[in-house]
C-alpha atoms as a PDB file:
ATOM      1  CA  MET A   1     121.818 107.935  81.455  1.00  0.00           C
ATOM      2  CA  ALA A   2     119.038 110.478  81.792  1.00  0.00           C
ATOM      3  CA  PRO A   3     117.415 111.533  78.507  1.00  0.00           C
ATOM      4  CA  ARG A   4     118.410 114.936  77.225  1.00  0.00           C
ATOM      5  CA  GLU A   5     115.647 117.494  77.092  1.00  0.00           C
ATOM      6  CA  GLN A   6     114.457 118.760  73.754  1.00  0.00           C
ATOM      7  CA  SER A   7     113.646 122.424  73.354  1.00  0.00           C
ATOM      8  CA  VAL A   8     110.056 123.044  74.356  1.00  0.00           C
ATOM      9  CA  GLU A   9     110.100 125.858  71.818  1.00  0.00           C
ATOM     10  CA  THR A  10     110.333 123.372  68.957  1.00  0.00           C
ATOM     11  CA  PRO A  11     107.068 121.460  68.553  1.00  0.00           C
ATOM     12  CA  PRO A  12     106.997 118.102  66.796  1.00  0.00           C
ATOM     13  CA  THR A  13     106.328 118.530  63.094  1.00  0.00           C
ATOM     14  CA  HIS A  14     103.799 115.685  62.873  1.00  0.00           C
ATOM     15  CA  VAL A  15     101.487 114.589  65.664  1.00  0.00           C
ATOM     16  CA  ALA A  16      99.142 111.663  65.084  1.00  0.00           C
ATOM     17  CA  VAL A  17      96.305 110.709  67.418  1.00  0.00           C
ATOM     18  CA  ILE A  18      94.376 107.487  67.938  1.00  0.00           C
ATOM     19  CA  MET A  19      91.133 108.951  69.309  1.00  0.00           C
ATOM     20  CA  ASP A  20      89.932 106.150  71.576  1.00  0.00           C
ATOM     21  CA  GLY A  21      87.274 106.058  74.281  1.00  0.00           C
ATOM     22  CA  ASN A  22      84.154 107.745  72.895  1.00  0.00           C
ATOM     23  CA  GLY A  23      81.923 104.737  73.512  1.00  0.00           C
ATOM     24  CA  ARG A  24      83.236 104.067  77.021  1.00  0.00           C
ATOM     25  CA  TRP A  25      82.867 107.755  77.897  1.00  0.00           C
ATOM     26  CA  ALA A  26      79.181 107.597  76.946  1.00  0.00           C
ATOM     27  CA  GLU A  27      78.495 104.262  78.637  1.00  0.00           C
ATOM     28  CA  ARG A  28      79.944 105.471  81.941  1.00  0.00           C
ATOM     29  CA  ARG A  29      77.417 108.301  81.829  1.00  0.00           C
ATOM     30  CA  GLY A  30      74.451 106.140  80.898  1.00  0.00           C
ATOM     31  CA  LEU A  31      74.385 107.606  77.394  1.00  0.00           C
ATOM     32  CA  ALA A  32      74.219 106.016  73.966  1.00  0.00           C
ATOM     33  CA  ARG A  33      77.530 105.343  72.245  1.00  0.00           C
ATOM     34  CA  SER A  34      76.433 107.773  69.543  1.00  0.00           C
ATOM     35  CA  ASP A  35      76.483 110.546  72.150  1.00  0.00           C
ATOM     36  CA  GLY A  36      80.098 109.689  72.857  1.00  0.00           C
ATOM     37  CA  HIS A  37      81.029 109.955  69.193  1.00  0.00           C
ATOM     38  CA  ARG A  38      79.341 113.356  68.943  1.00  0.00           C
ATOM     39  CA  ALA A  39      81.202 114.503  72.053  1.00  0.00           C
ATOM     40  CA  GLY A  40      84.384 113.269  70.397  1.00  0.00           C
ATOM     41  CA  VAL A  41      83.775 115.638  67.484  1.00  0.00           C
ATOM     42  CA  ASP A  42      83.832 118.555  69.931  1.00  0.00           C
ATOM     43  CA  THR A  43      87.240 117.330  71.122  1.00  0.00           C
ATOM     44  CA  VAL A  44      88.469 117.225  67.529  1.00  0.00           C
ATOM     45  CA  ARG A  45      87.585 120.905  67.232  1.00  0.00           C
ATOM     46  CA  GLY A  46      89.420 121.814  70.428  1.00  0.00           C
ATOM     47  CA  ILE A  47      92.533 119.745  69.764  1.00  0.00           C
ATOM     48  CA  THR A  48      92.801 120.979  66.182  1.00  0.00           C
ATOM     49  CA  ARG A  49      92.819 124.577  67.386  1.00  0.00           C
ATOM     50  CA  ALA A  50      95.252 123.780  70.199  1.00  0.00           C
ATOM     51  CA  ALA A  51      97.638 121.988  67.848  1.00  0.00           C
ATOM     52  CA  ARG A  52      97.573 124.901  65.434  1.00  0.00           C
ATOM     53  CA  ASP A  53      98.219 127.368  68.244  1.00  0.00           C
ATOM     54  CA  ARG A  54     101.229 125.319  69.371  1.00  0.00           C
ATOM     55  CA  GLY A  55     102.852 125.371  65.964  1.00  0.00           C
ATOM     56  CA  ILE A  56     102.236 121.751  64.988  1.00  0.00           C
ATOM     57  CA  ARG A  57     102.451 121.583  61.203  1.00  0.00           C
ATOM     58  CA  TRP A  58     100.791 118.203  60.620  1.00  0.00           C
ATOM     59  CA  LEU A  59      97.994 116.658  62.684  1.00  0.00           C
ATOM     60  CA  THR A  60      96.634 113.251  61.686  1.00  0.00           C
ATOM     61  CA  LEU A  61      93.511 111.927  63.388  1.00  0.00           C
ATOM     62  CA  TYR A  62      92.422 108.278  63.257  1.00  0.00           C
ATOM     63  CA  ALA A  63      88.735 108.893  62.617  1.00  0.00           C
ATOM     64  CA  PHE A  64      87.514 105.558  61.226  1.00  0.00           C
ATOM     65  CA  SER A  65      89.546 102.421  60.667  1.00  0.00           C
ATOM     66  CA  SER A  66      89.072  99.757  58.018  1.00  0.00           C
ATOM     67  CA  GLU A  67      88.133  97.415  60.878  1.00  0.00           C
ATOM     68  CA  ASN A  68      85.450  99.795  62.177  1.00  0.00           C
ATOM     69  CA  TRP A  69      83.169  98.672  59.353  1.00  0.00           C
ATOM     70  CA  ARG A  70      82.588  95.552  61.478  1.00  0.00           C
ATOM     71  CA  ARG A  71      80.817  97.541  64.191  1.00  0.00           C
ATOM     72  CA  PRO A  72      77.013  97.447  64.573  1.00  0.00           C
ATOM     73  CA  LYS A  73      75.236  99.000  61.611  1.00  0.00           C
ATOM     74  CA  ASP A  74      73.570 101.758  63.622  1.00  0.00           C
ATOM     75  CA  GLU A  75      76.898 102.828  65.144  1.00  0.00           C
ATOM     76  CA  VAL A  76      78.565 102.880  61.728  1.00  0.00           C
ATOM     77  CA  GLU A  77      75.724 105.050  60.414  1.00  0.00           C
ATOM     78  CA  VAL A  78      76.294 107.552  63.218  1.00  0.00           C
ATOM     79  CA  LEU A  79      80.033 107.599  62.573  1.00  0.00           C
ATOM     80  CA  MET A  80      79.443 108.159  58.863  1.00  0.00           C
ATOM     81  CA  SER A  81      77.222 111.155  59.627  1.00  0.00           C
ATOM     82  CA  LEU A  82      79.972 112.945  61.543  1.00  0.00           C
ATOM     83  CA  PRO A  83      82.153 114.172  58.645  1.00  0.00           C
ATOM     84  CA  GLU A  84      79.246 116.103  57.139  1.00  0.00           C
ATOM     85  CA  ALA A  85      78.334 117.583  60.530  1.00  0.00           C
ATOM     86  CA  TYR A  86      81.951 118.519  61.245  1.00  0.00           C
ATOM     87  CA  PHE A  87      82.780 120.132  57.934  1.00  0.00           C
ATOM     88  CA  SER A  88      79.496 122.026  57.764  1.00  0.00           C
ATOM     89  CA  THR A  89      80.671 124.103  60.738  1.00  0.00           C
ATOM     90  CA  GLU A  90      84.481 123.861  60.611  1.00  0.00           C
ATOM     91  CA  LEU A  91      85.318 124.361  56.964  1.00  0.00           C
ATOM     92  CA  ALA A  92      84.962 128.142  57.188  1.00  0.00           C
ATOM     93  CA  GLU A  93      87.340 128.275  60.171  1.00  0.00           C
ATOM     94  CA  ALA A  94      89.819 126.066  58.344  1.00  0.00           C
ATOM     95  CA  GLN A  95      89.798 128.489  55.439  1.00  0.00           C
ATOM     96  CA  GLN A  96      90.164 131.477  57.732  1.00  0.00           C
ATOM     97  CA  ASN A  97      93.221 129.926  59.385  1.00  0.00           C
ATOM     98  CA  ASP A  98      94.846 128.610  56.205  1.00  0.00           C
ATOM     99  CA  VAL A  99      94.350 124.969  57.314  1.00  0.00           C
ATOM    100  CA  ARG A 100      94.485 122.337  54.603  1.00  0.00           C
ATOM    101  CA  ILE A 101      92.218 119.301  54.949  1.00  0.00           C
ATOM    102  CA  ARG A 102      93.609 115.998  53.684  1.00  0.00           C
ATOM    103  CA  THR A 103      92.548 112.361  53.988  1.00  0.00           C
ATOM    104  CA  ILE A 104      94.130 108.939  53.845  1.00  0.00           C
ATOM    105  CA  GLY A 105      92.265 105.675  53.469  1.00  0.00           C
ATOM    106  CA  ARG A 106      89.692 104.365  51.045  1.00  0.00           C
ATOM    107  CA  ARG A 107      87.325 107.286  50.580  1.00  0.00           C
ATOM    108  CA  ASP A 108      85.463 105.317  47.932  1.00  0.00           C
ATOM    109  CA  ARG A 109      83.957 103.139  50.682  1.00  0.00           C
ATOM    110  CA  LEU A 110      82.298 106.095  52.411  1.00  0.00           C
ATOM    111  CA  PRO A 111      78.556 106.697  51.907  1.00  0.00           C
ATOM    112  CA  PRO A 112      77.840 109.311  49.206  1.00  0.00           C
ATOM    113  CA  SER A 113      76.955 112.144  51.612  1.00  0.00           C
ATOM    114  CA  ALA A 114      80.035 111.593  53.786  1.00  0.00           C
ATOM    115  CA  ARG A 115      82.287 111.259  50.763  1.00  0.00           C
ATOM    116  CA  ALA A 116      80.885 114.420  49.190  1.00  0.00           C
ATOM    117  CA  SER A 117      81.461 116.497  52.335  1.00  0.00           C
ATOM    118  CA  VAL A 118      85.011 115.189  52.708  1.00  0.00           C
ATOM    119  CA  GLU A 119      85.878 115.762  49.070  1.00  0.00           C
ATOM    120  CA  GLN A 120      84.481 119.290  49.215  1.00  0.00           C
ATOM    121  CA  ALA A 121      86.645 120.100  52.245  1.00  0.00           C
ATOM    122  CA  VAL A 122      89.728 118.612  50.581  1.00  0.00           C
ATOM    123  CA  GLU A 123      89.166 120.502  47.354  1.00  0.00           C
ATOM    124  CA  GLU A 124      88.283 123.880  48.888  1.00  0.00           C
ATOM    125  CA  THR A 125      91.350 123.896  51.143  1.00  0.00           C
ATOM    126  CA  ARG A 126      93.802 122.438  48.628  1.00  0.00           C
ATOM    127  CA  GLY A 127      95.642 125.733  48.232  1.00  0.00           C
ATOM    128  CA  ASN A 128      96.079 126.377  51.966  1.00  0.00           C
ATOM    129  CA  SER A 129      99.620 126.212  53.311  1.00  0.00           C
ATOM    130  CA  GLY A 130      99.105 126.377  57.084  1.00  0.00           C
ATOM    131  CA  MET A 131      98.572 123.380  59.336  1.00  0.00           C
ATOM    132  CA  GLN A 132      97.859 120.164  57.447  1.00  0.00           C
ATOM    133  CA  LEU A 133      94.885 118.406  59.073  1.00  0.00           C
ATOM    134  CA  VAL A 134      94.688 114.781  57.979  1.00  0.00           C
ATOM    135  CA  PHE A 135      91.713 112.519  58.652  1.00  0.00           C
ATOM    136  CA  ALA A 136      92.304 108.766  58.415  1.00  0.00           C
ATOM    137  CA  LEU A 137      88.953 107.499  57.123  1.00  0.00           C
ATOM    138  CA  SER A 138      88.284 103.873  56.228  1.00  0.00           C
ATOM    139  CA  TYR A 139      92.013 103.542  56.823  1.00  0.00           C
ATOM    140  CA  GLY A 140      94.250 100.627  57.744  1.00  0.00           C
ATOM    141  CA  GLY A 141      98.035 100.618  57.849  1.00  0.00           C
ATOM    142  CA  ARG A 142      98.395  97.128  56.372  1.00  0.00           C
ATOM    143  CA  GLN A 143      95.853  97.985  53.712  1.00  0.00           C
ATOM    144  CA  GLU A 144      97.867 101.083  52.803  1.00  0.00           C
ATOM    145  CA  LEU A 145     101.029  99.018  52.310  1.00  0.00           C
ATOM    146  CA  VAL A 146      99.202  96.399  50.242  1.00  0.00           C
ATOM    147  CA  ASP A 147      97.690  99.130  48.071  1.00  0.00           C
ATOM    148  CA  ALA A 148     101.135 100.688  47.605  1.00  0.00           C
ATOM    149  CA  ALA A 149     102.613  97.335  46.556  1.00  0.00           C
ATOM    150  CA  ARG A 150      99.713  96.779  44.174  1.00  0.00           C
ATOM    151  CA  ARG A 151     100.336 100.154  42.503  1.00  0.00           C
ATOM    152  CA  LEU A 152     103.986  99.266  41.988  1.00  0.00           C
ATOM    153  CA  LEU A 153     103.085  95.914  40.460  1.00  0.00           C
ATOM    154  CA  GLN A 154     100.512  97.490  38.174  1.00  0.00           C
ATOM    155  CA  ALA A 155     103.117 100.012  37.031  1.00  0.00           C
ATOM    156  CA  GLY A 156     105.504  97.183  36.169  1.00  0.00           C
ATOM    157  CA  SER A 157     108.176  98.404  38.579  1.00  0.00           C
ATOM    158  CA  ASP A 158     111.532  96.647  38.599  1.00  0.00           C
ATOM    159  CA  PRO A 159     111.798  94.620  41.843  1.00  0.00           C
ATOM    160  CA  ASP A 160     115.546  95.195  41.973  1.00  0.00           C
ATOM    161  CA  ALA A 161     114.979  98.967  41.940  1.00  0.00           C
ATOM    162  CA  LEU A 162     112.555  98.891  44.861  1.00  0.00           C
ATOM    163  CA  ASP A 163     113.676 100.884  47.899  1.00  0.00           C
ATOM    164  CA  GLU A 164     112.031 102.784  50.739  1.00  0.00           C
ATOM    165  CA  LYS A 165     111.700 105.973  48.721  1.00  0.00           C
ATOM    166  CA  THR A 166     109.991 104.170  45.853  1.00  0.00           C
ATOM    167  CA  LEU A 167     107.474 102.465  48.128  1.00  0.00           C
ATOM    168  CA  ALA A 168     106.799 105.631  50.154  1.00  0.00           C
ATOM    169  CA  ALA A 169     105.884 107.425  46.936  1.00  0.00           C
ATOM    170  CA  GLN A 170     102.963 105.013  46.512  1.00  0.00           C
ATOM    171  CA  LEU A 171     101.421 105.482  49.977  1.00  0.00           C
ATOM    172  CA  ASP A 172      98.002 107.110  50.369  1.00  0.00           C
ATOM    173  CA  ASP A 173      99.575 110.551  50.801  1.00  0.00           C
ATOM    174  CA  PRO A 174     103.246 110.554  49.798  1.00  0.00           C
ATOM    175  CA  GLU A 175     103.680 114.025  51.298  1.00  0.00           C
ATOM    176  CA  LEU A 176     102.731 112.832  54.786  1.00  0.00           C
ATOM    177  CA  PRO A 177     105.907 113.125  56.898  1.00  0.00           C
ATOM    178  CA  ASP A 178     107.071 110.581  59.412  1.00  0.00           C
ATOM    179  CA  VAL A 179     105.206 110.833  62.706  1.00  0.00           C
ATOM    180  CA  ASP A 180     107.183 112.471  65.507  1.00  0.00           C
ATOM    181  CA  LEU A 181     104.636 111.957  68.275  1.00  0.00           C
ATOM    182  CA  LEU A 182     101.857 109.369  68.370  1.00  0.00           C
ATOM    183  CA  ILE A 183      99.233 109.852  71.075  1.00  0.00           C
ATOM    184  CA  ARG A 184      96.651 107.241  71.986  1.00  0.00           C
ATOM    185  CA  THR A 185      93.860 108.120  74.382  1.00  0.00           C
ATOM    186  CA  GLY A 186      91.585 105.791  76.312  1.00  0.00           C
ATOM    187  CA  GLY A 187      94.180 103.813  78.261  1.00  0.00           C
ATOM    188  CA  GLU A 188      94.826 101.127  75.641  1.00  0.00           C
ATOM    189  CA  LYS A 189      98.431 100.486  74.609  1.00  0.00           C
ATOM    190  CA  ARG A 190      98.542  99.441  70.976  1.00  0.00           C
ATOM    191  CA  ILE A 191      98.707 101.190  67.612  1.00  0.00           C
ATOM    192  CA  SER A 192      95.721  99.377  66.053  1.00  0.00           C
ATOM    193  CA  ASN A 193      96.937  99.226  62.457  1.00  0.00           C
ATOM    194  CA  PHE A 194      97.552 102.981  62.298  1.00  0.00           C
ATOM    195  CA  LEU A 195     100.300 104.540  60.151  1.00  0.00           C
ATOM    196  CA  ILE A 196     102.529 101.477  60.350  1.00  0.00           C
ATOM    197  CA  TRP A 197     105.069 102.906  57.903  1.00  0.00           C
ATOM    198  CA  GLN A 198     105.047 106.483  59.187  1.00  0.00           C
ATOM    199  CA  THR A 199     105.380 105.609  62.901  1.00  0.00           C
ATOM    200  CA  ALA A 200     108.561 103.566  62.520  1.00  0.00           C
ATOM    201  CA  TYR A 201     110.451 105.990  64.786  1.00  0.00           C
ATOM    202  CA  ALA A 202     107.575 107.835  66.460  1.00  0.00           C
ATOM    203  CA  GLU A 203     107.633 108.635  70.150  1.00  0.00           C
ATOM    204  CA  ILE A 204     104.459 107.136  71.648  1.00  0.00           C
ATOM    205  CA  VAL A 205     102.494 108.612  74.539  1.00  0.00           C
ATOM    206  CA  PHE A 206      99.534 106.732  76.009  1.00  0.00           C
ATOM    207  CA  SER A 207      96.914 108.740  77.877  1.00  0.00           C
ATOM    208  CA  ASP A 208      94.348 107.277  80.262  1.00  0.00           C
ATOM    209  CA  LYS A 209      91.972 110.085  79.347  1.00  0.00           C
ATOM    210  CA  LEU A 210      89.045 109.049  77.181  1.00  0.00           C
ATOM    211  CA  TRP A 211      88.935 111.055  73.968  1.00  0.00           C
ATOM    212  CA  PRO A 212      86.043 113.372  74.984  1.00  0.00           C
ATOM    213  CA  GLU A 213      88.082 114.234  78.110  1.00  0.00           C
ATOM    214  CA  PHE A 214      91.285 114.989  76.205  1.00  0.00           C
ATOM    215  CA  GLY A 215      91.759 118.740  76.016  1.00  0.00           C
ATOM    216  CA  PRO A 216      94.565 121.238  75.410  1.00  0.00           C
ATOM    217  CA  ALA A 217      96.001 120.588  78.877  1.00  0.00           C
ATOM    218  CA  GLU A 218      96.333 116.871  78.096  1.00  0.00           C
ATOM    219  CA  LEU A 219      97.922 117.719  74.761  1.00  0.00           C
ATOM    220  CA  ASP A 220     100.469 119.835  76.616  1.00  0.00           C
ATOM    221  CA  VAL A 221     101.237 116.894  78.923  1.00  0.00           C
ATOM    222  CA  ALA A 222     101.922 114.694  75.899  1.00  0.00           C
ATOM    223  CA  LEU A 223     104.085 117.375  74.297  1.00  0.00           C
ATOM    224  CA  ALA A 224     106.038 117.838  77.525  1.00  0.00           C
ATOM    225  CA  GLU A 225     106.742 114.094  77.645  1.00  0.00           C
ATOM    226  CA  TYR A 226     107.819 114.174  74.004  1.00  0.00           C
ATOM    227  CA  HIS A 227     110.289 116.948  74.750  1.00  0.00           C
ATOM    228  CA  GLN A 228     111.888 114.778  77.443  1.00  0.00           C
ATOM    229  CA  ARG A 229     112.628 111.992  74.960  1.00  0.00           C
ATOM    230  CA  GLU A 230     116.022 111.456  73.370  1.00  0.00           C
ATOM    231  CA  ARG A 231     115.493 110.553  69.723  1.00  0.00           C
ATOM    232  CA  ARG A 232     118.485 108.574  68.501  1.00  0.00           C
ATOM    233  CA  PHE A 233     117.278 106.908  65.266  1.00  0.00           C
ATOM    234  CA  GLY A 234     119.680 104.011  65.687  1.00  0.00           C
ATOM    235  CA  GLN A 235     122.592 106.107  66.901  1.00  0.00           C
ATOM    236  CA  THR A 236     124.099 106.246  70.368  1.00  0.00           C
ATOM    237  CA  SER A 237     123.756 109.081  72.853  1.00  0.00           C
ATOM    238  CA  ALA A 238     127.437 109.899  72.403  1.00  0.00           C
ATOM    239  CA  GLN A 239     126.972 110.335  68.654  1.00  0.00           C
ATOM    240  CA  LEU A 240     124.203 112.873  69.186  1.00  0.00           C
ATOM    241  CA  GLY A 241     126.452 115.247  71.100  1.00  0.00           C
ATOM    242  CA  PRO A 242     125.645 117.339  74.163  1.00  0.00           C
ATOM    243  CA  GLN A 243     122.410 118.779  72.776  1.00  0.00           C
ATOM    244  CA  GLY A 244     120.794 115.504  71.736  1.00  0.00           C
ATOM    245  CA  THR A 245     118.346 115.671  68.877  1.00  0.00           C
ATOM    246  CA  ARG A 246     115.004 117.401  68.711  1.00  0.00           C
ATOM    247  CA  ASP A 247     114.392 116.968  65.005  1.00  0.00           C
ATOM    248  CA  SER A 248     114.638 113.747  63.054  1.00  0.00           C
ATOM    249  CA  GLY A 249     115.677 115.570  59.926  1.00  0.00           C
ATOM    250  CA  ARG A 250     113.298 113.308  58.012  1.00  0.00           C
ATOM    251  CA  SER A 251     110.707 114.612  55.617  1.00  0.00           C
ATOM    252  CA  GLY A 252     108.592 111.482  55.537  1.00  0.00           C
ATOM    253  CA  LYS A 253     110.303 110.402  52.330  1.00  0.00           C
ATOM    254  CA  PRO A 254     112.904 107.817  53.425  1.00  0.00           C
END
């Protein structure tokens, strides 16, 4: 049975992106990997604007994983310099467009200058109600679940009262909705410990484009593929009716 089309006029509420391929993009051009990461920041700017223009309410970007700390020291230093460089130029535009900056992950592990720039952006945009731009920094999906379980144990929660809603309330950002569309660039086909809880029913689109090559046109390709998907959430096609479903009806709080 062919999948029913979703309305292209209804964008996914939450798009998450695994931004992969900066290093390979640079190496193919005879450049340092650091040049690829800086080029990737330019793509973040472009995709953030494109997502906002297309009515996407939540955009989560996998900027630095908990495993990325294992990379060579000089590369980690470059990556840790990027938040300050990004927010020094983009914070004003975020304010102008009512964009709220949020983060998930262990911010306490960031170097002082990176942490200060991130915390400033989070605080100054806290009252904004437009697109929610979430940076996953020093983030790991398994780590997030372990931290959530630890908080419940420390609070003395009753094991018999534990349910999905209770656990979700202890995640890094309890307001983060379930992911509708997960995009991974760079040609790899795995989720790499990213938003394990929130992507339980996400539609996944893999792009062969390296992150610095991923522009608004590639975003539109991913959105078009998303709109072709039939999202059943455990139901059958017959149960969904003739129009299918284009909205999970989930708020991110199971």
